[in-house]
């Protein structure tokens, strides 16, 4: 899995918004962690790029940390 840091992730509503958007995308395997302020996606460039584009559209900055 590739892990994206999402510093602005701050509440359950944020998690729900991100999960809903990712569910409707090509990213089929993901995990959103409010505690760690991260979004993990499957280990491919397409999923990472798609997830980061979706996060940006939702107003969240993200950076790959692993």
N, C-alpha and C. Protein backbone atom coordinates (compact mmCIF):
# COMPACT_ATOMS: atom_id res chain seq x y z
N UNK A 1 0.84 -1.18 0.00
CA UNK A 1 0.00 0.00 0.00
C UNK A 1 0.89 1.25 0.00
N UNK A 2 0.40 2.27 -0.67
CA UNK A 2 1.07 3.57 -0.63
C UNK A 2 0.31 4.44 0.36
N UNK A 3 1.06 5.15 1.18
CA UNK A 3 0.45 5.95 2.25
C UNK A 3 0.61 7.43 1.92
N UNK A 4 -0.52 8.13 1.96
CA UNK A 4 -0.53 9.57 1.72
C UNK A 4 -0.83 10.29 3.02
N UNK A 5 -0.01 11.25 3.38
CA UNK A 5 -0.27 12.09 4.54
C UNK A 5 -1.29 13.15 4.13
N UNK A 6 -2.33 13.30 4.98
CA UNK A 6 -3.38 14.29 4.72
C UNK A 6 -3.56 15.11 6.00
N UNK A 7 -2.72 16.13 6.18
CA UNK A 7 -2.71 16.89 7.45
C UNK A 7 -4.04 17.53 7.84
N UNK A 8 -4.86 17.90 6.86
CA UNK A 8 -6.13 18.57 7.17
C UNK A 8 -7.24 17.60 7.58
N UNK A 9 -6.97 16.31 7.56
CA UNK A 9 -7.96 15.31 7.95
C UNK A 9 -8.22 15.45 9.44
N UNK A 10 -9.43 15.93 9.80
CA UNK A 10 -9.61 16.32 11.20
C UNK A 10 -10.89 15.80 11.86
N UNK A 11 -11.79 15.15 11.12
CA UNK A 11 -13.04 14.73 11.74
C UNK A 11 -13.67 13.57 10.97
N UNK A 12 -14.63 12.90 11.58
CA UNK A 12 -15.31 11.79 10.90
C UNK A 12 -16.01 12.22 9.60
N UNK A 13 -16.47 13.46 9.53
CA UNK A 13 -17.09 13.94 8.29
C UNK A 13 -16.09 13.99 7.15
N UNK A 14 -14.86 14.39 7.46
CA UNK A 14 -13.80 14.40 6.44
C UNK A 14 -13.55 12.98 5.93
N UNK A 15 -13.47 12.03 6.87
CA UNK A 15 -13.24 10.64 6.51
C UNK A 15 -14.36 10.15 5.59
N UNK A 16 -15.60 10.43 5.95
CA UNK A 16 -16.75 9.98 5.16
C UNK A 16 -16.73 10.59 3.76
N UNK A 17 -16.38 11.87 3.67
CA UNK A 17 -16.32 12.56 2.38
C UNK A 17 -15.26 11.91 1.48
N UNK A 18 -14.10 11.63 2.04
CA UNK A 18 -13.01 11.02 1.28
C UNK A 18 -13.39 9.59 0.87
N UNK A 19 -13.93 8.81 1.81
CA UNK A 19 -14.31 7.43 1.50
C UNK A 19 -15.35 7.39 0.39
N UNK A 20 -16.33 8.25 0.44
CA UNK A 20 -17.38 8.29 -0.59
C UNK A 20 -16.79 8.60 -1.96
N UNK A 21 -15.90 9.58 -2.02
CA UNK A 21 -15.29 9.96 -3.30
C UNK A 21 -14.40 8.85 -3.85
N UNK A 22 -13.63 8.20 -2.98
CA UNK A 22 -12.75 7.12 -3.44
C UNK A 22 -13.56 5.90 -3.87
N UNK A 23 -14.68 5.64 -3.18
CA UNK A 23 -15.54 4.50 -3.54
C UNK A 23 -16.04 4.61 -4.97
N UNK A 24 -16.28 5.82 -5.43
CA UNK A 24 -16.81 6.06 -6.76
C UNK A 24 -15.72 6.19 -7.82
N UNK A 25 -14.48 5.86 -7.49
CA UNK A 25 -13.36 6.03 -8.41
C UNK A 25 -12.76 4.66 -8.78
N UNK A 26 -11.66 4.72 -9.52
CA UNK A 26 -10.96 3.48 -9.90
C UNK A 26 -10.17 2.90 -8.73
N UNK A 27 -10.04 3.64 -7.64
CA UNK A 27 -9.30 3.17 -6.47
C UNK A 27 -10.21 2.21 -5.70
N UNK A 28 -9.93 0.92 -5.77
CA UNK A 28 -10.80 -0.08 -5.15
C UNK A 28 -10.33 -0.50 -3.76
N UNK A 29 -9.06 -0.39 -3.49
CA UNK A 29 -8.53 -0.78 -2.19
C UNK A 29 -7.92 0.45 -1.52
N UNK A 30 -8.55 0.88 -0.45
CA UNK A 30 -8.04 2.06 0.26
C UNK A 30 -8.45 1.98 1.72
N UNK A 31 -7.75 2.79 2.53
CA UNK A 31 -8.07 2.90 3.95
C UNK A 31 -7.80 4.34 4.38
N UNK A 32 -8.77 4.92 5.06
CA UNK A 32 -8.64 6.29 5.55
C UNK A 32 -8.49 6.22 7.07
N UNK A 33 -7.41 6.80 7.60
CA UNK A 33 -7.16 6.77 9.04
C UNK A 33 -7.22 8.19 9.59
N UNK A 34 -8.25 8.45 10.39
CA UNK A 34 -8.36 9.75 11.05
C UNK A 34 -7.25 9.91 12.09
N UNK A 35 -6.98 8.85 12.82
CA UNK A 35 -5.96 8.89 13.87
C UNK A 35 -4.58 9.24 13.32
N UNK A 36 -4.22 8.64 12.19
CA UNK A 36 -2.90 8.88 11.59
C UNK A 36 -2.89 10.00 10.57
N UNK A 37 -4.10 10.50 10.23
CA UNK A 37 -4.24 11.54 9.19
C UNK A 37 -3.62 11.07 7.88
N UNK A 38 -4.01 9.85 7.48
CA UNK A 38 -3.47 9.26 6.25
C UNK A 38 -4.57 8.62 5.42
N UNK A 39 -4.25 8.47 4.14
CA UNK A 39 -5.06 7.68 3.22
C UNK A 39 -4.10 6.69 2.57
N UNK A 40 -4.39 5.41 2.69
CA UNK A 40 -3.58 4.37 2.07
C UNK A 40 -4.32 3.83 0.87
N UNK A 41 -3.61 3.66 -0.24
CA UNK A 41 -4.20 3.12 -1.46
C UNK A 41 -3.33 1.99 -1.99
N UNK A 42 -3.91 1.20 -2.91
CA UNK A 42 -3.14 0.08 -3.47
C UNK A 42 -1.85 0.59 -4.12
N UNK A 43 -0.92 -0.30 -4.27
CA UNK A 43 0.45 0.06 -4.64
C UNK A 43 0.62 0.20 -6.15
N UNK A 44 -0.03 1.20 -6.74
CA UNK A 44 0.19 1.47 -8.17
C UNK A 44 0.10 2.97 -8.41
N UNK A 45 0.78 3.42 -9.46
CA UNK A 45 0.82 4.84 -9.77
C UNK A 45 -0.56 5.41 -10.05
N UNK A 46 -1.38 4.67 -10.78
CA UNK A 46 -2.72 5.16 -11.15
C UNK A 46 -3.56 5.43 -9.92
N UNK A 47 -3.56 4.50 -8.97
CA UNK A 47 -4.37 4.68 -7.76
C UNK A 47 -3.87 5.86 -6.94
N UNK A 48 -2.55 5.98 -6.81
CA UNK A 48 -2.00 7.09 -6.05
C UNK A 48 -2.36 8.41 -6.70
N UNK A 49 -2.16 8.52 -8.00
CA UNK A 49 -2.45 9.77 -8.71
C UNK A 49 -3.94 10.11 -8.64
N UNK A 50 -4.79 9.09 -8.80
CA UNK A 50 -6.23 9.31 -8.73
C UNK A 50 -6.63 9.78 -7.34
N UNK A 51 -6.11 9.10 -6.31
CA UNK A 51 -6.44 9.47 -4.93
C UNK A 51 -5.99 10.90 -4.63
N UNK A 52 -4.80 11.27 -5.06
CA UNK A 52 -4.31 12.62 -4.80
C UNK A 52 -5.14 13.66 -5.55
N UNK A 53 -5.58 13.35 -6.76
CA UNK A 53 -6.42 14.27 -7.51
C UNK A 53 -7.78 14.45 -6.81
N UNK A 54 -8.34 13.34 -6.32
CA UNK A 54 -9.62 13.41 -5.61
C UNK A 54 -9.47 14.21 -4.32
N UNK A 55 -8.40 13.96 -3.58
CA UNK A 55 -8.17 14.70 -2.35
C UNK A 55 -8.05 16.20 -2.64
N UNK A 56 -7.34 16.54 -3.71
CA UNK A 56 -7.18 17.96 -4.07
C UNK A 56 -8.54 18.58 -4.41
N UNK A 57 -9.36 17.85 -5.17
CA UNK A 57 -10.70 18.35 -5.51
C UNK A 57 -11.54 18.60 -4.25
N UNK A 58 -11.33 17.77 -3.24
CA UNK A 58 -12.07 17.91 -1.99
C UNK A 58 -11.48 18.97 -1.07
N UNK A 59 -10.32 19.52 -1.45
CA UNK A 59 -9.70 20.58 -0.66
C UNK A 59 -8.65 20.11 0.33
N UNK A 60 -8.16 18.88 0.14
CA UNK A 60 -7.13 18.33 1.04
C UNK A 60 -5.80 18.24 0.32
N UNK A 61 -4.75 18.76 0.94
CA UNK A 61 -3.40 18.56 0.43
C UNK A 61 -2.95 17.17 0.86
N UNK A 62 -2.11 16.54 0.02
CA UNK A 62 -1.60 15.22 0.39
C UNK A 62 -0.18 15.06 -0.13
N UNK A 63 0.55 14.20 0.53
CA UNK A 63 1.93 13.92 0.16
C UNK A 63 2.21 12.46 0.46
N UNK A 64 2.86 11.77 -0.47
CA UNK A 64 3.20 10.36 -0.24
C UNK A 64 4.29 10.28 0.81
N UNK A 65 4.06 9.44 1.83
CA UNK A 65 5.06 9.28 2.89
C UNK A 65 5.62 7.86 2.91
N UNK A 66 4.99 6.94 2.21
CA UNK A 66 5.58 5.58 2.06
C UNK A 66 4.87 4.84 0.97
